[in-house]
Amino acid sequence: MIYSMTGYATAAAELDGGSLSVELRSVNHRYLDLQLRLPDELRGQEAALREAISAQISRGKVECRVNHTPRQTAQHPARLNPEVLRQLAQWRAQIRAVLPEAGELSVIDVLRWNGALESPDTDGDRLRATLQSLLQQGLQEFSAARQREGEKLADFLRQRVAQIESLRAGVAPRIPGAIAAYEEKLRQRLQEALGSNDDERVRQEITLYASKIDVDEELSRLSAHLAEVRRTLEKGGRTGKRLDFLMQELHREANTLGAKSADAEVAQCAMEIKLLIEQMREQVQNIE
């Protein structure tokens, strides 16, 4: 399968003490750039989340956002987090030792402190287990979305490959006609300038011209690179970097083909090939 680096997925669950959701989104990037947004009560799960995400995604700028909204009811009232309170007390002592005139935290200040209030599920095993389950669910949806987008990109590339192959097939048959036209033009010029058709000189000029516009090598390499693009797409997997390299090689051959253009139609064909390759290169940047 071909995977796009662009994707989005979300998963959510309701708990006795509130709601929990996981949101994943990504865009293209040269390597894996993973950013996690976690509530304070789930900071301890960051390493596990990073490991799980990195196991399935190799490239892209990925953002994972976890939202936990505690539900405060008579049956499940919020409670103070003793760990946060101890930390605040420790900080207070350290600050007062250096800055005796520093103001005191009010009760309201403490209650507003991030993580000071927690629901019954905040530090429970169930909350952590639910988070892991939601992450796996989100990653499955995320992978499916990236796969669907990747298949669209692969189809786009296959269409452009077919178009380039069609254009390429039309170049070679035009070379003999271009050589014949050049020979006739050269004979006319020699006749006008010297009053004769110097066959030896004409043959030398034709040989030199033919070598300059010979594009057999470029067409062969172009064909080989296109075949490799097809093979890479069929193989699937993490192909983005290889496809990007092949786009560079295709562009190099198209440039040479354009430089050796024997007539206006060959030049136009080379230009169209370059445009198609540029379209492919833009889309390849989104493939993992």
Protein backbone atom coordinates (compact mmCIF):
# COMPACT_ATOMS: atom_id res chain seq x y z
CA MET A 1 0.00 0.00 0.00
CA ILE A 2 1.00 3.59 -0.63
CA TYR A 3 0.44 5.93 2.31
CA SER A 4 -0.02 9.66 2.22
CA MET A 5 1.57 11.78 4.94
CA THR A 6 -1.67 13.78 5.17
CA GLY A 7 -4.36 12.34 7.42
CA TYR A 8 -6.85 12.95 10.20
CA ALA A 9 -8.63 10.72 12.73
CA THR A 10 -10.33 10.99 16.09
CA ALA A 11 -11.62 8.59 18.74
CA ALA A 12 -13.58 9.35 21.92
CA ALA A 13 -15.10 7.56 24.90
CA GLU A 14 -17.28 8.43 27.88
CA LEU A 15 -16.11 7.44 31.36
CA ASP A 16 -17.84 7.61 34.71
CA GLY A 17 -15.75 10.61 35.61
CA GLY A 18 -15.84 12.45 32.28
CA SER A 19 -14.97 12.22 28.58
CA LEU A 20 -11.69 11.32 26.88
CA SER A 21 -10.74 11.88 23.24
CA VAL A 22 -7.70 11.39 21.01
CA GLU A 23 -7.20 13.45 17.85
CA LEU A 24 -4.52 12.73 15.23
CA ARG A 25 -3.62 14.94 12.28
CA SER A 26 -0.58 15.13 10.01
CA VAL A 27 0.92 16.92 7.03
CA ASN A 28 3.98 16.15 4.92
CA HIS A 29 7.48 16.51 6.36
CA ARG A 30 10.96 15.25 5.50
CA TYR A 31 11.11 13.12 8.65
CA LEU A 32 8.88 12.25 11.62
CA ASP A 33 8.06 15.34 13.68
CA LEU A 34 5.71 14.19 16.46
CA GLN A 35 4.02 16.71 18.73
CA LEU A 36 1.91 15.61 21.70
CA ARG A 37 -0.67 17.73 23.50
CA LEU A 38 -1.63 16.06 26.79
CA PRO A 39 -3.53 17.19 29.90
CA ASP A 40 -1.45 17.30 33.06
CA GLU A 41 -3.01 14.17 34.53
CA LEU A 42 -1.83 12.12 31.53
CA ARG A 43 1.70 13.47 31.14
CA GLY A 44 3.06 10.17 32.36
CA GLN A 45 1.70 8.45 29.24
CA GLU A 46 3.76 10.53 26.80
CA ALA A 47 6.52 7.95 26.27
CA ALA A 48 4.03 5.14 25.64
CA LEU A 49 2.08 7.29 23.18
CA ARG A 50 5.22 8.27 21.29
CA GLU A 51 6.30 4.65 21.02
CA ALA A 52 2.90 3.51 19.72
CA ILE A 53 2.66 6.28 17.12
CA SER A 54 6.28 5.94 15.94
CA ALA A 55 5.76 2.21 15.40
CA GLN A 56 3.19 2.95 12.69
CA ILE A 57 4.34 6.26 11.19
CA SER A 58 7.80 6.96 9.80
CA ARG A 59 7.45 10.41 8.17
CA GLY A 60 5.25 13.46 8.53
CA LYS A 61 4.52 16.28 10.90
CA VAL A 62 2.11 14.54 13.26
CA GLU A 63 0.09 16.14 16.05
CA CYS A 64 -1.61 13.98 18.68
CA ARG A 65 -3.98 15.87 20.95
CA VAL A 66 -5.55 14.19 24.01
CA ASN A 67 -8.48 15.91 25.70
CA HIS A 68 -9.83 14.86 29.09
CA THR A 69 -12.90 16.64 30.44
CA PRO A 70 -13.75 15.58 34.00
CA ARG A 71 -17.42 15.41 34.88
CA GLN A 72 -18.27 16.96 38.24
CA THR A 73 -21.48 15.50 39.69
CA ALA A 74 -22.82 14.69 43.13
CA GLN A 75 -22.02 11.03 42.53
CA HIS A 76 -18.53 11.76 41.21
CA PRO A 77 -17.32 15.00 42.80
CA ALA A 78 -13.96 16.48 41.93
CA ARG A 79 -11.20 16.13 44.52
CA LEU A 80 -7.89 17.78 45.24
CA ASN A 81 -4.79 16.23 43.76
CA PRO A 82 -2.38 15.63 46.68
CA GLU A 83 0.66 15.43 44.41
CA VAL A 84 -0.01 18.89 42.98
CA LEU A 85 -0.61 20.30 46.46
CA ARG A 86 2.70 18.89 47.75
CA GLN A 87 4.50 20.34 44.74
CA LEU A 88 2.95 23.76 45.31
CA ALA A 89 3.93 23.66 48.99
CA GLN A 90 7.50 22.76 48.07
CA TRP A 91 7.71 25.57 45.54
CA ARG A 92 6.24 28.00 48.10
CA ALA A 93 8.96 27.15 50.63
CA GLN A 94 11.73 27.53 48.02
CA ILE A 95 10.39 30.84 46.72
CA ARG A 96 9.85 32.28 50.23
CA ALA A 97 13.41 31.38 51.15
CA VAL A 98 14.71 33.57 48.33
CA LEU A 99 11.90 36.13 48.13
CA PRO A 100 10.41 36.64 51.64
CA GLU A 101 8.14 39.43 50.38
CA ALA A 102 6.51 37.23 47.69
CA GLY A 103 2.72 37.09 47.93
CA GLU A 104 0.83 34.01 49.05
CA LEU A 105 -1.34 31.83 46.82
CA SER A 106 -5.02 32.10 47.68
CA VAL A 107 -7.37 29.11 47.82
CA ILE A 108 -8.87 30.23 44.52
CA ASP A 109 -5.38 30.38 42.99
CA VAL A 110 -4.70 26.84 44.10
CA LEU A 111 -8.01 25.53 42.77
CA ARG A 112 -7.33 27.15 39.40
CA TRP A 113 -3.87 25.56 39.16
CA ASN A 114 -3.61 23.01 36.33
CA GLY A 115 -4.21 19.53 37.73
CA ALA A 116 -5.14 20.69 41.23
CA LEU A 117 -8.64 19.24 40.82
CA GLU A 118 -9.08 15.70 39.53
CA SER A 119 -11.98 13.38 38.90
CA PRO A 120 -12.11 9.86 40.39
CA ASP A 121 -10.80 8.43 37.08
CA THR A 122 -7.97 10.91 36.56
CA ASP A 123 -5.16 8.74 37.94
CA GLY A 124 -6.91 5.40 37.61
CA ASP A 125 -5.85 2.41 35.56
CA ARG A 126 -9.10 2.63 33.65
CA LEU A 127 -8.25 6.10 32.34
CA ARG A 128 -4.83 4.96 31.12
CA ALA A 129 -6.24 1.77 29.59
CA THR A 130 -8.95 3.75 27.82
CA LEU A 131 -6.36 6.16 26.47
CA GLN A 132 -4.33 3.30 24.98
CA SER A 133 -7.46 1.77 23.46
CA LEU A 134 -8.53 5.08 21.95
CA LEU A 135 -5.06 5.64 20.55
CA GLN A 136 -5.08 2.27 18.79
CA GLN A 137 -8.55 2.96 17.47
CA GLY A 138 -7.46 6.39 16.26
CA LEU A 139 -4.31 4.99 14.65
CA GLN A 140 -6.35 2.41 12.72
CA GLU A 141 -8.66 5.10 11.38
CA PHE A 142 -5.67 7.36 10.76
CA SER A 143 -3.86 4.63 8.80
CA ALA A 144 -6.99 3.90 6.75
CA ALA A 145 -7.37 7.60 5.88
CA ARG A 146 -3.71 7.86 4.87
CA GLN A 147 -4.04 4.71 2.79
CA ARG A 148 -7.08 6.03 0.93
CA GLU A 149 -5.28 9.28 0.19
CA GLY A 150 -2.14 7.35 -0.78
CA GLU A 151 -4.04 5.27 -3.34
CA LYS A 152 -5.37 8.46 -4.90
CA LEU A 153 -1.82 9.76 -5.16
CA ALA A 154 -0.64 6.47 -6.68
CA ASP A 155 -3.40 6.59 -9.30
CA PHE A 156 -2.45 10.18 -10.09
CA LEU A 157 1.18 9.15 -10.61
CA ARG A 158 0.24 6.16 -12.78
CA GLN A 159 -1.84 8.40 -15.03
CA ARG A 160 1.05 10.82 -15.45
CA VAL A 161 3.47 7.98 -16.16
CA ALA A 162 1.15 6.73 -18.94
CA GLN A 163 0.97 10.24 -20.41
CA ILE A 164 4.75 10.61 -20.39
CA GLU A 165 5.18 7.20 -22.01
CA SER A 166 2.76 8.25 -24.76
CA LEU A 167 4.66 11.49 -25.36
CA ARG A 168 7.99 9.66 -25.29
CA ALA A 169 6.79 7.22 -27.96
CA GLY A 170 6.10 10.12 -30.29
CA VAL A 171 9.59 11.61 -30.09
CA ALA A 172 11.82 8.92 -31.66
CA PRO A 173 9.96 8.70 -35.01
CA ARG A 174 10.48 12.43 -35.57
CA ILE A 175 14.28 12.30 -35.43
CA PRO A 176 14.88 10.88 -38.97
CA GLY A 177 12.55 13.51 -40.45
CA ALA A 178 14.41 16.26 -38.58
CA ILE A 179 17.73 15.01 -39.93
CA ALA A 180 16.36 14.86 -43.50
CA ALA A 181 14.95 18.39 -43.20
CA TYR A 182 18.30 19.67 -41.92
CA GLU A 183 20.13 17.94 -44.80
CA GLU A 184 17.89 19.57 -47.37
CA LYS A 185 18.27 22.98 -45.75
CA LEU A 186 22.07 22.54 -45.66
CA ARG A 187 22.20 21.59 -49.34
CA GLN A 188 20.20 24.66 -50.27
CA ARG A 189 22.51 26.95 -48.28
CA LEU A 190 25.64 25.42 -49.84
CA GLN A 191 24.10 25.79 -53.27
CA GLU A 192 23.31 29.44 -52.63
CA ALA A 193 26.70 30.23 -51.06
CA LEU A 194 29.05 28.12 -53.19
CA GLY A 195 27.02 27.28 -56.22
CA SER A 196 27.52 23.54 -55.59
CA ASN A 197 26.33 20.65 -53.41
CA ASP A 198 29.52 19.53 -51.66
CA ASP A 199 28.41 15.99 -50.72
CA GLU A 200 31.39 15.35 -48.46
CA ARG A 201 30.86 18.52 -46.50
CA VAL A 202 27.13 17.80 -46.32
CA ARG A 203 27.81 14.31 -44.98
CA GLN A 204 30.14 15.69 -42.29
CA GLU A 205 27.60 18.31 -41.20
CA ILE A 206 24.77 15.78 -41.20
CA THR A 207 26.81 13.34 -39.09
CA LEU A 208 27.61 16.09 -36.59
CA TYR A 209 24.00 17.26 -36.49
CA ALA A 210 22.68 13.73 -36.06
CA SER A 211 24.98 13.14 -33.08
CA LYS A 212 23.79 16.37 -31.46
CA ILE A 213 20.11 15.52 -31.71
CA ASP A 214 20.46 11.79 -30.96
CA VAL A 215 18.10 11.21 -28.02
CA ASP A 216 18.05 7.40 -28.00
CA GLU A 217 20.00 7.31 -24.75
CA GLU A 218 17.75 9.86 -23.06
CA LEU A 219 14.60 8.07 -24.24
CA SER A 220 15.94 4.74 -22.99
CA ARG A 221 16.76 6.15 -19.56
CA LEU A 222 13.41 7.92 -19.46
CA SER A 223 11.68 4.62 -20.17
CA ALA A 224 13.73 2.83 -17.48
CA HIS A 225 12.90 5.47 -14.85
CA LEU A 226 9.18 5.33 -15.70
CA ALA A 227 9.24 1.55 -15.37
CA GLU A 228 10.91 1.93 -11.96
CA VAL A 229 8.21 4.36 -10.86
CA ARG A 230 5.56 1.79 -11.80
CA ARG A 231 7.44 -0.97 -9.99
CA THR A 232 7.86 1.17 -6.87
CA LEU A 233 4.16 2.00 -6.80
CA GLU A 234 3.26 -1.68 -7.17
CA LYS A 235 5.65 -2.66 -4.39
CA GLY A 236 4.16 -0.06 -2.03
CA GLY A 237 5.38 0.64 1.48
CA ARG A 238 7.41 3.66 2.48
CA THR A 239 8.32 4.80 -1.03
CA GLY A 240 8.30 8.59 -0.77
CA LYS A 241 12.06 9.13 -0.73
CA ARG A 242 12.69 6.70 -3.57
CA LEU A 243 9.97 8.27 -5.70
CA ASP A 244 11.40 11.71 -5.00
CA PHE A 245 14.80 10.52 -6.26
CA LEU A 246 13.19 9.08 -9.41
CA MET A 247 11.47 12.43 -10.05
CA GLN A 248 14.89 14.10 -10.03
CA GLU A 249 16.21 11.56 -12.54
CA LEU A 250 13.19 11.96 -14.81
CA HIS A 251 13.55 15.73 -14.71
CA ARG A 252 17.22 15.46 -15.68
CA GLU A 253 16.43 13.34 -18.74
CA ALA A 254 13.55 15.64 -19.75
CA ASN A 255 15.89 18.65 -19.56
CA THR A 256 18.43 16.93 -21.82
CA LEU A 257 15.68 15.92 -24.22
CA GLY A 258 14.56 19.53 -24.41
CA ALA A 259 18.12 20.73 -25.02
CA LYS A 260 18.46 18.31 -27.96
CA SER A 261 15.09 19.16 -29.48
CA ALA A 262 15.32 18.65 -33.23
CA ASP A 263 12.20 20.61 -34.13
CA ALA A 264 9.36 22.58 -32.58
CA GLU A 265 7.20 19.52 -31.97
CA VAL A 266 9.96 17.67 -30.11
CA ALA A 267 10.60 20.80 -28.04
CA GLN A 268 6.89 21.03 -27.22
CA CYS A 269 6.84 17.35 -26.31
CA ALA A 270 9.81 17.81 -23.97
CA MET A 271 8.08 20.76 -22.32
CA GLU A 272 4.91 18.75 -21.74
CA ILE A 273 6.93 15.90 -20.24
CA LYS A 274 8.63 18.34 -17.85
CA LEU A 275 5.27 19.75 -16.78
CA LEU A 276 3.95 16.26 -16.07
CA ILE A 277 7.07 15.39 -14.08
CA GLU A 278 6.68 18.58 -12.05
CA GLN A 279 3.09 17.63 -11.26
CA MET A 280 4.29 14.21 -10.12
CA ARG A 281 7.06 15.72 -8.00
CA GLU A 282 4.57 17.94 -6.13
CA GLN A 283 2.40 14.95 -5.25
CA VAL A 284 5.33 12.72 -4.33
CA GLN A 285 6.13 15.17 -1.52
CA ASN A 286 2.97 13.92 0.22
CA ILE A 287 3.89 10.21 0.11
CA GLU A 288 5.39 8.60 3.20
